[in-house]
Amino acid sequence: MTVTIYGITTCDTVRKARTWLDQKGITYHFHDFRKDGLDAARLGGWLDGLGWETVLNRAGTSFRALPEAERTGLDRDKAAALILANPTLVKRPVLDADGRVTVGFKPDTYAALFSR
């Protein structure tokens, strides 16, 4: 199984997810948005599969720091442009396990995903 976890190293939720994977002995690749960036095709797949409302983290400090004009009138295209300009706007972590993608970290969700 190919597993990639996307996020940033300073995110507490990403750390929890990585610790969970490590404790379960699950091998994964870590993709750091700050170092490795985020390409439009990958983001487009997430937005199409999960919805921009799920992928865009409106509760985080990165989103709250945006000017009001950028935070209003959101739709898929505007969300995609914002995320590509600032990948830390992605709700973290994004886990891709052989094409099955989930956002955020909940131990029960991860356990169900890896029990298949």
PDB file of N, CA and C in Angstrom:
ATOM      1  N   MET A   1       0.842  -1.175   0.000  1.00  0.00           N
ATOM      2  CA  MET A   1       0.000   0.000   0.000  1.00  0.00           C
ATOM      3  C   MET A   1       0.889   1.240   0.000  1.00  0.00           C
ATOM      4  N   THR A   2       0.567   2.181  -0.867  1.00  0.00           N
ATOM      5  CA  THR A   2       1.285   3.446  -0.927  1.00  0.00           C
ATOM      6  C   THR A   2       0.527   4.475  -0.102  1.00  0.00           C
ATOM      7  N   VAL A   3       1.222   5.053   0.868  1.00  0.00           N
ATOM      8  CA  VAL A   3       0.597   6.018   1.769  1.00  0.00           C
ATOM      9  C   VAL A   3       1.405   7.308   1.751  1.00  0.00           C
ATOM     10  N   THR A   4       0.706   8.415   1.538  1.00  0.00           N
ATOM     11  CA  THR A   4       1.332   9.736   1.611  1.00  0.00           C
ATOM     12  C   THR A   4       0.498  10.595   2.534  1.00  0.00           C
ATOM     13  N   ILE A   5       1.176  11.290   3.417  1.00  0.00           N
ATOM     14  CA  ILE A   5       0.503  12.233   4.301  1.00  0.00           C
ATOM     15  C   ILE A   5       1.006  13.621   3.933  1.00  0.00           C
ATOM     16  N   TYR A   6       0.069  14.529   3.720  1.00  0.00           N
ATOM     17  CA  TYR A   6       0.367  15.894   3.305  1.00  0.00           C
ATOM     18  C   TYR A   6       0.074  16.840   4.459  1.00  0.00           C
ATOM     19  N   GLY A   7       0.979  17.789   4.671  1.00  0.00           N
ATOM     20  CA  GLY A   7       0.768  18.765   5.727  1.00  0.00           C
ATOM     21  C   GLY A   7       2.000  19.618   5.918  1.00  0.00           C
ATOM     22  N   ILE A   8       2.131  20.147   7.125  1.00  0.00           N
ATOM     23  CA  ILE A   8       3.319  20.917   7.497  1.00  0.00           C
ATOM     24  C   ILE A   8       3.847  20.365   8.813  1.00  0.00           C
ATOM     25  N   THR A   9       5.143  20.454   8.996  1.00  0.00           N
ATOM     26  CA  THR A   9       5.775  19.824  10.161  1.00  0.00           C
ATOM     27  C   THR A   9       5.362  20.468  11.475  1.00  0.00           C
ATOM     28  N   THR A  10       4.971  21.725  11.455  1.00  0.00           N
ATOM     29  CA  THR A  10       4.645  22.426  12.698  1.00  0.00           C
ATOM     30  C   THR A  10       3.198  22.241  13.141  1.00  0.00           C
ATOM     31  N   CYS A  11       2.396  21.526  12.379  1.00  0.00           N
ATOM     32  CA  CYS A  11       0.977  21.328  12.696  1.00  0.00           C
ATOM     33  C   CYS A  11       0.824  20.195  13.719  1.00  0.00           C
ATOM     34  N   ASP A  12       0.176  20.495  14.834  1.00  0.00           N
ATOM     35  CA  ASP A  12      -0.017  19.491  15.881  1.00  0.00           C
ATOM     36  C   ASP A  12      -0.842  18.298  15.393  1.00  0.00           C
ATOM     37  N   THR A  13      -1.842  18.541  14.567  1.00  0.00           N
ATOM     38  CA  THR A  13      -2.677  17.455  14.076  1.00  0.00           C
ATOM     39  C   THR A  13      -1.886  16.550  13.143  1.00  0.00           C
ATOM     40  N   VAL A  14      -1.020  17.133  12.334  1.00  0.00           N
ATOM     41  CA  VAL A  14      -0.154  16.337  11.467  1.00  0.00           C
ATOM     42  C   VAL A  14       0.777  15.482  12.323  1.00  0.00           C
ATOM     43  N   ARG A  15       1.321  16.071  13.370  1.00  0.00           N
ATOM     44  CA  ARG A  15       2.204  15.305  14.271  1.00  0.00           C
ATOM     45  C   ARG A  15       1.465  14.121  14.883  1.00  0.00           C
ATOM     46  N   LYS A  16       0.226  14.338  15.316  1.00  0.00           N
ATOM     47  CA  LYS A  16      -0.568  13.251  15.904  1.00  0.00           C
ATOM     48  C   LYS A  16      -0.803  12.139  14.880  1.00  0.00           C
ATOM     49  N   ALA A  17      -1.131  12.529  13.653  1.00  0.00           N
ATOM     50  CA  ALA A  17      -1.367  11.531  12.602  1.00  0.00           C
ATOM     51  C   ALA A  17      -0.102  10.745  12.301  1.00  0.00           C
ATOM     52  N   ARG A  18       1.025  11.448  12.210  1.00  0.00           N
ATOM     53  CA  ARG A  18       2.290  10.757  11.932  1.00  0.00           C
ATOM     54  C   ARG A  18       2.670   9.823  13.071  1.00  0.00           C
ATOM     55  N   THR A  19       2.430  10.239  14.296  1.00  0.00           N
ATOM     56  CA  THR A  19       2.712   9.387  15.451  1.00  0.00           C
ATOM     57  C   THR A  19       1.844   8.135  15.404  1.00  0.00           C
ATOM     58  N   TRP A  20       0.575   8.305  15.067  1.00  0.00           N
ATOM     59  CA  TRP A  20      -0.335   7.159  14.957  1.00  0.00           C
ATOM     60  C   TRP A  20       0.184   6.182  13.908  1.00  0.00           C
ATOM     61  N   LEU A  21       0.539   6.696  12.738  1.00  0.00           N
ATOM     62  CA  LEU A  21       1.060   5.831  11.668  1.00  0.00           C
ATOM     63  C   LEU A  21       2.329   5.119  12.111  1.00  0.00           C
ATOM     64  N   ASP A  22       3.228   5.858  12.752  1.00  0.00           N
ATOM     65  CA  ASP A  22       4.479   5.262  13.236  1.00  0.00           C
ATOM     66  C   ASP A  22       4.202   4.150  14.246  1.00  0.00           C
ATOM     67  N   GLN A  23       3.297   4.397  15.180  1.00  0.00           N
ATOM     68  CA  GLN A  23       2.981   3.402  16.206  1.00  0.00           C
ATOM     69  C   GLN A  23       2.348   2.144  15.620  1.00  0.00           C
ATOM     70  N   LYS A  24       1.650   2.295  14.521  1.00  0.00           N
ATOM     71  CA  LYS A  24       1.024   1.137  13.862  1.00  0.00           C
ATOM     72  C   LYS A  24       1.968   0.473  12.866  1.00  0.00           C
ATOM     73  N   GLY A  25       3.168   1.022  12.704  1.00  0.00           N
ATOM     74  CA  GLY A  25       4.140   0.439  11.785  1.00  0.00           C
ATOM     75  C   GLY A  25       3.779   0.630  10.322  1.00  0.00           C
ATOM     76  N   ILE A  26       3.042   1.679  10.028  1.00  0.00           N
ATOM     77  CA  ILE A  26       2.626   1.952   8.648  1.00  0.00           C
ATOM     78  C   ILE A  26       3.654   2.862   7.991  1.00  0.00           C
ATOM     79  N   THR A  27       4.221   2.387   6.912  1.00  0.00           N
ATOM     80  CA  THR A  27       5.214   3.158   6.174  1.00  0.00           C
ATOM     81  C   THR A  27       4.499   4.186   5.311  1.00  0.00           C
ATOM     82  N   TYR A  28       5.004   5.403   5.328  1.00  0.00           N
ATOM     83  CA  TYR A  28       4.382   6.482   4.567  1.00  0.00           C
ATOM     84  C   TYR A  28       5.434   7.473   4.101  1.00  0.00           C
ATOM     85  N   HIS A  29       5.046   8.254   3.123  1.00  0.00           N
ATOM     86  CA  HIS A  29       5.867   9.379   2.657  1.00  0.00           C
ATOM     87  C   HIS A  29       5.221  10.644   3.206  1.00  0.00           C
ATOM     88  N   PHE A  30       6.025  11.558   3.762  1.00  0.00           N
ATOM     89  CA  PHE A  30       5.504  12.832   4.241  1.00  0.00           C
ATOM     90  C   PHE A  30       5.800  13.911   3.209  1.00  0.00           C
ATOM     91  N   HIS A  31       4.748  14.592   2.781  1.00  0.00           N
ATOM     92  CA  HIS A  31       4.862  15.681   1.802  1.00  0.00           C
ATOM     93  C   HIS A  31       4.587  16.982   2.548  1.00  0.00           C
ATOM     94  N   ASP A  32       5.627  17.787   2.716  1.00  0.00           N
ATOM     95  CA  ASP A  32       5.525  19.063   3.433  1.00  0.00           C
ATOM     96  C   ASP A  32       5.160  20.163   2.441  1.00  0.00           C
ATOM     97  N   PHE A  33       3.988  20.765   2.637  1.00  0.00           N
ATOM     98  CA  PHE A  33       3.547  21.829   1.733  1.00  0.00           C
ATOM     99  C   PHE A  33       4.555  22.972   1.640  1.00  0.00           C
ATOM    100  N   ARG A  34       5.186  23.296   2.744  1.00  0.00           N
ATOM    101  CA  ARG A  34       6.128  24.429   2.734  1.00  0.00           C
ATOM    102  C   ARG A  34       7.386  24.118   1.928  1.00  0.00           C
ATOM    103  N   LYS A  35       7.854  22.890   1.993  1.00  0.00           N
ATOM    104  CA  LYS A  35       9.076  22.517   1.273  1.00  0.00           C
ATOM    105  C   LYS A  35       8.789  21.986  -0.122  1.00  0.00           C
ATOM    106  N   ASP A  36       7.747  21.165  -0.241  1.00  0.00           N
ATOM    107  CA  ASP A  36       7.473  20.451  -1.485  1.00  0.00           C
ATOM    108  C   ASP A  36       6.389  21.094  -2.344  1.00  0.00           C
ATOM    109  N   GLY A  37       5.677  22.076  -1.797  1.00  0.00           N
ATOM    110  CA  GLY A  37       4.637  22.763  -2.547  1.00  0.00           C
ATOM    111  C   GLY A  37       3.392  21.911  -2.735  1.00  0.00           C
ATOM    112  N   LEU A  38       2.499  22.406  -3.586  1.00  0.00           N
ATOM    113  CA  LEU A  38       1.261  21.712  -3.890  1.00  0.00           C
ATOM    114  C   LEU A  38       0.910  22.035  -5.334  1.00  0.00           C
ATOM    115  N   ASP A  39       0.735  21.002  -6.143  1.00  0.00           N
ATOM    116  CA  ASP A  39       0.433  21.251  -7.552  1.00  0.00           C
ATOM    117  C   ASP A  39      -1.070  21.306  -7.791  1.00  0.00           C
ATOM    118  N   ALA A  40      -1.442  22.021  -8.841  1.00  0.00           N
ATOM    119  CA  ALA A  40      -2.851  22.264  -9.164  1.00  0.00           C
ATOM    120  C   ALA A  40      -3.611  20.979  -9.447  1.00  0.00           C
ATOM    121  N   ALA A  41      -2.978  20.017 -10.097  1.00  0.00           N
ATOM    122  CA  ALA A  41      -3.660  18.765 -10.434  1.00  0.00           C
ATOM    123  C   ALA A  41      -4.039  17.986  -9.175  1.00  0.00           C
ATOM    124  N   ARG A  42      -3.119  17.885  -8.245  1.00  0.00           N
ATOM    125  CA  ARG A  42      -3.399  17.157  -6.998  1.00  0.00           C
ATOM    126  C   ARG A  42      -4.507  17.872  -6.221  1.00  0.00           C
ATOM    127  N   LEU A  43      -4.378  19.186  -6.090  1.00  0.00           N
ATOM    128  CA  LEU A  43      -5.399  19.947  -5.384  1.00  0.00           C
ATOM    129  C   LEU A  43      -6.749  19.790  -6.070  1.00  0.00           C
ATOM    130  N   GLY A  44      -6.771  19.851  -7.388  1.00  0.00           N
ATOM    131  CA  GLY A  44      -8.018  19.685  -8.128  1.00  0.00           C
ATOM    132  C   GLY A  44      -8.683  18.357  -7.839  1.00  0.00           C
ATOM    133  N   GLY A  45      -7.891  17.308  -7.741  1.00  0.00           N
ATOM    134  CA  GLY A  45      -8.433  15.993  -7.403  1.00  0.00           C
ATOM    135  C   GLY A  45      -9.069  15.975  -6.024  1.00  0.00           C
ATOM    136  N   TRP A  46      -8.405  16.618  -5.066  1.00  0.00           N
ATOM    137  CA  TRP A  46      -8.969  16.693  -3.711  1.00  0.00           C
ATOM    138  C   TRP A  46     -10.262  17.487  -3.710  1.00  0.00           C
ATOM    139  N   LEU A  47     -10.261  18.618  -4.407  1.00  0.00           N
ATOM    140  CA  LEU A  47     -11.457  19.463  -4.440  1.00  0.00           C
ATOM    141  C   LEU A  47     -12.620  18.744  -5.111  1.00  0.00           C
ATOM    142  N   ASP A  48     -12.332  18.019  -6.194  1.00  0.00           N
ATOM    143  CA  ASP A  48     -13.377  17.268  -6.893  1.00  0.00           C
ATOM    144  C   ASP A  48     -13.893  16.112  -6.044  1.00  0.00           C
ATOM    145  N   GLY A  49     -12.993  15.415  -5.374  1.00  0.00           N
ATOM    146  CA  GLY A  49     -13.379  14.235  -4.610  1.00  0.00           C
ATOM    147  C   GLY A  49     -13.973  14.522  -3.248  1.00  0.00           C
ATOM    148  N   LEU A  50     -13.501  15.576  -2.601  1.00  0.00           N
ATOM    149  CA  LEU A  50     -13.923  15.860  -1.231  1.00  0.00           C
ATOM    150  C   LEU A  50     -14.765  17.122  -1.097  1.00  0.00           C
ATOM    151  N   GLY A  51     -14.664  18.010  -2.079  1.00  0.00           N
ATOM    152  CA  GLY A  51     -15.348  19.295  -2.009  1.00  0.00           C
ATOM    153  C   GLY A  51     -14.442  20.362  -1.423  1.00  0.00           C
ATOM    154  N   TRP A  52     -14.515  21.552  -1.987  1.00  0.00           N
ATOM    155  CA  TRP A  52     -13.634  22.621  -1.501  1.00  0.00           C
ATOM    156  C   TRP A  52     -13.931  22.987  -0.057  1.00  0.00           C
ATOM    157  N   GLU A  53     -15.179  22.831   0.383  1.00  0.00           N
ATOM    158  CA  GLU A  53     -15.547  23.170   1.754  1.00  0.00           C
ATOM    159  C   GLU A  53     -14.828  22.274   2.769  1.00  0.00           C
ATOM    160  N   THR A  54     -14.533  21.052   2.367  1.00  0.00           N
ATOM    161  CA  THR A  54     -13.814  20.118   3.243  1.00  0.00           C
ATOM    162  C   THR A  54     -12.325  20.396   3.235  1.00  0.00           C
ATOM    163  N   VAL A  55     -11.787  20.722   2.090  1.00  0.00           N
ATOM    164  CA  VAL A  55     -10.336  20.889   1.937  1.00  0.00           C
ATOM    165  C   VAL A  55      -9.842  22.222   2.496  1.00  0.00           C
ATOM    166  N   LEU A  56     -10.615  23.274   2.344  1.00  0.00           N
ATOM    167  CA  LEU A  56     -10.211  24.600   2.814  1.00  0.00           C
ATOM    168  C   LEU A  56     -10.431  24.714   4.313  1.00  0.00           C
ATOM    169  N   ASN A  57      -9.379  25.035   5.042  1.00  0.00           N
ATOM    170  CA  ASN A  57      -9.458  25.176   6.492  1.00  0.00           C
ATOM    171  C   ASN A  57      -9.796  26.627   6.834  1.00  0.00           C
ATOM    172  N   ARG A  58     -11.072  26.884   7.048  1.00  0.00           N
ATOM    173  CA  ARG A  58     -11.502  28.242   7.378  1.00  0.00           C
ATOM    174  C   ARG A  58     -11.345  28.568   8.858  1.00  0.00           C
ATOM    175  N   ALA A  59     -10.996  27.585   9.669  1.00  0.00           N
ATOM    176  CA  ALA A  59     -10.836  27.817  11.105  1.00  0.00           C
ATOM    177  C   ALA A  59      -9.406  28.193  11.489  1.00  0.00           C
ATOM    178  N   GLY A  60      -8.469  28.044  10.575  1.00  0.00           N
ATOM    179  CA  GLY A  60      -7.065  28.265  10.899  1.00  0.00           C
ATOM    180  C   GLY A  60      -6.631  29.712  10.842  1.00  0.00           C
ATOM    181  N   THR A  61      -5.462  29.945  11.404  1.00  0.00           N
ATOM    182  CA  THR A  61      -4.923  31.306  11.437  1.00  0.00           C
ATOM    183  C   THR A  61      -4.565  31.812  10.045  1.00  0.00           C
ATOM    184  N   SER A  62      -4.164  30.936   9.152  1.00  0.00           N
ATOM    185  CA  SER A  62      -3.823  31.365   7.795  1.00  0.00           C
ATOM    186  C   SER A  62      -5.043  31.965   7.090  1.00  0.00           C
ATOM    187  N   PHE A  63      -6.196  31.331   7.279  1.00  0.00           N
ATOM    188  CA  PHE A  63      -7.413  31.841   6.647  1.00  0.00           C
ATOM    189  C   PHE A  63      -7.847  33.150   7.300  1.00  0.00           C
ATOM    190  N   ARG A  64      -7.813  33.201   8.613  1.00  0.00           N
ATOM    191  CA  ARG A  64      -8.234  34.415   9.318  1.00  0.00           C
ATOM    192  C   ARG A  64      -7.332  35.601   9.011  1.00  0.00           C
ATOM    193  N   ALA A  65      -6.097  35.338   8.600  1.00  0.00           N
ATOM    194  CA  ALA A  65      -5.155  36.411   8.276  1.00  0.00           C
ATOM    195  C   ALA A  65      -5.387  37.005   6.883  1.00  0.00           C
ATOM    196  N   LEU A  66      -6.192  36.327   6.073  1.00  0.00           N
ATOM    197  CA  LEU A  66      -6.470  36.833   4.728  1.00  0.00           C
ATOM    198  C   LEU A  66      -7.324  38.093   4.798  1.00  0.00           C
ATOM    199  N   PRO A  67      -7.157  38.985   3.826  1.00  0.00           N
ATOM    200  CA  PRO A  67      -8.049  40.151   3.772  1.00  0.00           C
ATOM    201  C   PRO A  67      -9.505  39.702   3.609  1.00  0.00           C
ATOM    202  N   GLU A  68     -10.406  40.480   4.152  1.00  0.00           N
ATOM    203  CA  GLU A  68     -11.840  40.150   4.104  1.00  0.00           C
ATOM    204  C   GLU A  68     -12.312  39.860   2.685  1.00  0.00           C
ATOM    205  N   ALA A  69     -11.844  40.613   1.720  1.00  0.00           N
ATOM    206  CA  ALA A  69     -12.274  40.425   0.330  1.00  0.00           C
ATOM    207  C   ALA A  69     -11.918  39.036  -0.196  1.00  0.00           C
ATOM    208  N   GLU A  70     -10.822  38.460   0.285  1.00  0.00           N
ATOM    209  CA  GLU A  70     -10.423  37.120  -0.159  1.00  0.00           C
ATOM    210  C   GLU A  70     -11.199  36.028   0.563  1.00  0.00           C
ATOM    211  N   ARG A  71     -11.720  36.331   1.745  1.00  0.00           N
ATOM    212  CA  ARG A  71     -12.442  35.335   2.534  1.00  0.00           C
ATOM    213  C   ARG A  71     -13.923  35.264   2.189  1.00  0.00           C
ATOM    214  N   THR A  72     -14.424  36.207   1.429  1.00  0.00           N
ATOM    215  CA  THR A  72     -15.846  36.232   1.113  1.00  0.00           C
ATOM    216  C   THR A  72     -16.074  35.811  -0.333  1.00  0.00           C
ATOM    217  N   GLY A  73     -17.302  35.393  -0.600  1.00  0.00           N
ATOM    218  CA  GLY A  73     -17.673  34.997  -1.957  1.00  0.00           C
ATOM    219  C   GLY A  73     -16.923  33.785  -2.459  1.00  0.00           C
ATOM    220  N   LEU A  74     -16.636  32.865  -1.563  1.00  0.00           N
ATOM    221  CA  LEU A  74     -15.852  31.690  -1.938  1.00  0.00           C
ATOM    222  C   LEU A  74     -16.654  30.710  -2.776  1.00  0.00           C
ATOM    223  N   ASP A  75     -15.975  30.133  -3.735  1.00  0.00           N
ATOM    224  CA  ASP A  75     -16.474  29.013  -4.507  1.00  0.00           C
ATOM    225  C   ASP A  75     -15.270  28.125  -4.806  1.00  0.00           C
ATOM    226  N   ARG A  76     -15.468  27.073  -5.568  1.00  0.00           N
ATOM    227  CA  ARG A  76     -14.378  26.131  -5.831  1.00  0.00           C
ATOM    228  C   ARG A  76     -13.174  26.809  -6.451  1.00  0.00           C
ATOM    229  N   ASP A  77     -13.390  27.629  -7.477  1.00  0.00           N
ATOM    230  CA  ASP A  77     -12.270  28.255  -8.180  1.00  0.00           C
ATOM    231  C   ASP A  77     -11.511  29.236  -7.291  1.00  0.00           C
ATOM    232  N   LYS A  78     -12.243  30.025  -6.528  1.00  0.00           N
ATOM    233  CA  LYS A  78     -11.588  30.996  -5.642  1.00  0.00           C
ATOM    234  C   LYS A  78     -10.827  30.268  -4.532  1.00  0.00           C
ATOM    235  N   ALA A  79     -11.425  29.211  -3.988  1.00  0.00           N
ATOM    236  CA  ALA A  79     -10.752  28.416  -2.959  1.00  0.00           C
ATOM    237  C   ALA A  79      -9.477  27.790  -3.516  1.00  0.00           C
ATOM    238  N   ALA A  80      -9.549  27.258  -4.733  1.00  0.00           N
ATOM    239  CA  ALA A  80      -8.369  26.646  -5.351  1.00  0.00           C
ATOM    240  C   ALA A  80      -7.256  27.667  -5.524  1.00  0.00           C
ATOM    241  N   ALA A  81      -7.596  28.850  -5.989  1.00  0.00           N
ATOM    242  CA  ALA A  81      -6.579  29.893  -6.181  1.00  0.00           C
ATOM    243  C   ALA A  81      -5.954  30.296  -4.852  1.00  0.00           C
ATOM    244  N   LEU A  82      -6.775  30.437  -3.820  1.00  0.00           N
ATOM    245  CA  LEU A  82      -6.250  30.795  -2.493  1.00  0.00           C
ATOM    246  C   LEU A  82      -5.312  29.717  -1.961  1.00  0.00           C
ATOM    247  N   ILE A  83      -5.726  28.453  -2.098  1.00  0.00           N
ATOM    248  CA  ILE A  83      -4.915  27.345  -1.584  1.00  0.00           C
ATOM    249  C   ILE A  83      -3.603  27.227  -2.351  1.00  0.00           C
ATOM    250  N   LEU A  84      -3.648  27.367  -3.657  1.00  0.00           N
ATOM    251  CA  LEU A  84      -2.409  27.278  -4.440  1.00  0.00           C
ATOM    252  C   LEU A  84      -1.443  28.396  -4.076  1.00  0.00           C
ATOM    253  N   ALA A  85      -1.973  29.577  -3.751  1.00  0.00           N
ATOM    254  CA  ALA A  85      -1.124  30.697  -3.349  1.00  0.00           C
ATOM    255  C   ALA A  85      -0.597  30.518  -1.925  1.00  0.00           C
ATOM    256  N   ASN A  86      -1.356  29.778  -1.104  1.00  0.00           N
ATOM    257  CA  ASN A  86      -0.967  29.571   0.291  1.00  0.00           C
ATOM    258  C   ASN A  86      -1.418  28.171   0.722  1.00  0.00           C
ATOM    259  N   PRO A  87      -0.592  27.151   0.462  1.00  0.00           N
ATOM    260  CA  PRO A  87      -0.989  25.765   0.752  1.00  0.00           C
ATOM    261  C   PRO A  87      -1.307  25.485   2.223  1.00  0.00           C
ATOM    262  N   THR A  88      -0.892  26.365   3.131  1.00  0.00           N
ATOM    263  CA  THR A  88      -1.233  26.140   4.541  1.00  0.00           C
ATOM    264  C   THR A  88      -2.720  26.331   4.798  1.00  0.00           C
ATOM    265  N   LEU A  89      -3.475  26.748   3.788  1.00  0.00           N
ATOM    266  CA  LEU A  89      -4.927  26.854   3.915  1.00  0.00           C
ATOM    267  C   LEU A  89      -5.628  25.503   3.816  1.00  0.00           C
ATOM    268  N   VAL A  90      -4.893  24.458   3.469  1.00  0.00           N
ATOM    269  CA  VAL A  90      -5.466  23.115   3.399  1.00  0.00           C
ATOM    270  C   VAL A  90      -5.704  22.609   4.818  1.00  0.00           C
ATOM    271  N   LYS A  91      -6.885  22.041   5.042  1.00  0.00           N
ATOM    272  CA  LYS A  91      -7.150  21.384   6.316  1.00  0.00           C
ATOM    273  C   LYS A  91      -6.220  20.190   6.411  1.00  0.00           C
ATOM    274  N   ARG A  92      -5.541  20.046   7.520  1.00  0.00           N
ATOM    275  CA  ARG A  92      -4.498  19.049   7.644  1.00  0.00           C
ATOM    276  C   ARG A  92      -4.829  18.005   8.710  1.00  0.00           C
ATOM    277  N   PRO A  93      -4.170  16.860   8.505  1.00  0.00           N
ATOM    278  CA  PRO A  93      -3.433  16.405   7.338  1.00  0.00           C
ATOM    279  C   PRO A  93      -4.360  15.863   6.262  1.00  0.00           C
ATOM    280  N   VAL A  94      -3.823  15.760   5.067  1.00  0.00           N
ATOM    281  CA  VAL A  94      -4.496  15.031   3.999  1.00  0.00           C
ATOM    282  C   VAL A  94      -3.751  13.706   3.880  1.00  0.00           C
ATOM    283  N   LEU A  95      -4.483  12.624   3.973  1.00  0.00           N
ATOM    284  CA  LEU A  95      -3.895  11.292   3.887  1.00  0.00           C
ATOM    285  C   LEU A  95      -4.393  10.625   2.619  1.00  0.00           C
ATOM    286  N   ASP A  96      -3.452  10.136   1.828  1.00  0.00           N
ATOM    287  CA  ASP A  96      -3.785   9.399   0.604  1.00  0.00           C
ATOM    288  C   ASP A  96      -3.225   7.991   0.766  1.00  0.00           C
ATOM    289  N   ALA A  97      -4.123   7.041   0.889  1.00  0.00           N
ATOM    290  CA  ALA A  97      -3.741   5.628   1.030  1.00  0.00           C
ATOM    291  C   ALA A  97      -4.267   4.885  -0.188  1.00  0.00           C
ATOM    292  N   ASP A  98      -3.402   4.703  -1.165  1.00  0.00           N
ATOM    293  CA  ASP A  98      -3.778   4.033  -2.416  1.00  0.00           C
ATOM    294  C   ASP A  98      -5.007   4.668  -3.066  1.00  0.00           C
ATOM    295  N   GLY A  99      -5.044   5.998  -3.072  1.00  0.00           N
ATOM    296  CA  GLY A  99      -6.131   6.710  -3.729  1.00  0.00           C
ATOM    297  C   GLY A  99      -7.342   6.981  -2.864  1.00  0.00           C
ATOM    298  N   ARG A 100      -7.365   6.415  -1.693  1.00  0.00           N
ATOM    299  CA  ARG A 100      -8.438   6.737  -0.734  1.00  0.00           C
ATOM    300  C   ARG A 100      -7.944   7.920   0.081  1.00  0.00           C
ATOM    301  N   VAL A 101      -8.639   9.042  -0.051  1.00  0.00           N
ATOM    302  CA  VAL A 101      -8.161  10.293   0.541  1.00  0.00           C
ATOM    303  C   VAL A 101      -9.083  10.721   1.669  1.00  0.00           C
ATOM    304  N   THR A 102      -8.471  11.124   2.780  1.00  0.00           N
ATOM    305  CA  THR A 102      -9.206  11.648   3.920  1.00  0.00           C
ATOM    306  C   THR A 102      -8.508  12.909   4.417  1.00  0.00           C
ATOM    307  N   VAL A 103      -9.287  13.797   5.020  1.00  0.00           N
ATOM    308  CA  VAL A 103      -8.762  15.060   5.526  1.00  0.00           C
ATOM    309  C   VAL A 103      -8.986  15.121   7.023  1.00  0.00           C
ATOM    310  N   GLY A 104      -7.998  15.638   7.742  1.00  0.00           N
ATOM    311  CA  GLY A 104      -8.070  15.704   9.192  1.00  0.00           C
ATOM    312  C   GLY A 104      -7.578  14.403   9.794  1.00  0.00           C
ATOM    313  N   PHE A 105      -7.512  14.358  11.111  1.00  0.00           N
ATOM    314  CA  PHE A 105      -7.055  13.142  11.768  1.00  0.00           C
ATOM    315  C   PHE A 105      -8.013  12.748  12.880  1.00  0.00           C
ATOM    316  N   LYS A 106      -8.536  11.552  12.741  1.00  0.00           N
ATOM    317  CA  LYS A 106      -9.312  10.911  13.793  1.00  0.00           C
ATOM    318  C   LYS A 106      -8.822   9.471  13.836  1.00  0.00           C
ATOM    319  N   PRO A 107      -8.352   9.011  14.984  1.00  0.00           N
ATOM    320  CA  PRO A 107      -7.824   7.649  15.073  1.00  0.00           C
ATOM    321  C   PRO A 107      -8.787   6.586  14.546  1.00  0.00           C
ATOM    322  N   ASP A 108     -10.078   6.725  14.821  1.00  0.00           N
ATOM    323  CA  ASP A 108     -11.046   5.724  14.359  1.00  0.00           C
ATOM    324  C   ASP A 108     -11.131   5.689  12.826  1.00  0.00           C
ATOM    325  N   THR A 109     -11.054   6.865  12.200  1.00  0.00           N
ATOM    326  CA  THR A 109     -11.095   6.932  10.747  1.00  0.00           C
ATOM    327  C   THR A 109      -9.872   6.262  10.150  1.00  0.00           C
ATOM    328  N   TYR A 110      -8.703   6.555  10.723  1.00  0.00           N
ATOM    329  CA  TYR A 110      -7.479   5.937  10.235  1.00  0.00           C
ATOM    330  C   TYR A 110      -7.520   4.426  10.449  1.00  0.00           C
ATOM    331  N   ALA A 111      -7.991   3.993  11.606  1.00  0.00           N
ATOM    332  CA  ALA A 111      -8.049   2.546  11.890  1.00  0.00           C
ATOM    333  C   ALA A 111      -8.948   1.842  10.873  1.00  0.00           C
ATOM    334  N   ALA A 112     -10.091   2.447  10.555  1.00  0.00           N
ATOM    335  CA  ALA A 112     -10.994   1.839   9.568  1.00  0.00           C
ATOM    336  C   ALA A 112     -10.346   1.808   8.195  1.00  0.00           C
ATOM    337  N   LEU A 113      -9.649   2.854   7.842  1.00  0.00           N
ATOM    338  CA  LEU A 113      -9.007   2.932   6.530  1.00  0.00           C
ATOM    339  C   LEU A 113      -7.943   1.851   6.366  1.00  0.00           C
ATOM    340  N   PHE A 114      -7.179   1.610   7.428  1.00  0.00           N
ATOM    341  CA  PHE A 114      -6.086   0.651   7.332  1.00  0.00           C
ATOM    342  C   PHE A 114      -6.478  -0.775   7.699  1.00  0.00           C
ATOM    343  N   SER A 115      -7.720  -0.974   8.080  1.00  0.00           N
ATOM    344  CA  SER A 115      -8.161  -2.350   8.387  1.00  0.00           C
ATOM    345  C   SER A 115      -8.661  -3.060   7.139  1.00  0.00           C
ATOM    346  N   ARG A 116      -8.770  -2.323   6.040  1.00  0.00           N
ATOM    347  CA  ARG A 116      -9.266  -2.901   4.775  1.00  0.00           C
ATOM    348  C   ARG A 116      -8.223  -3.742   4.103  1.00  0.00           C
TER     349      ARG A 116
END
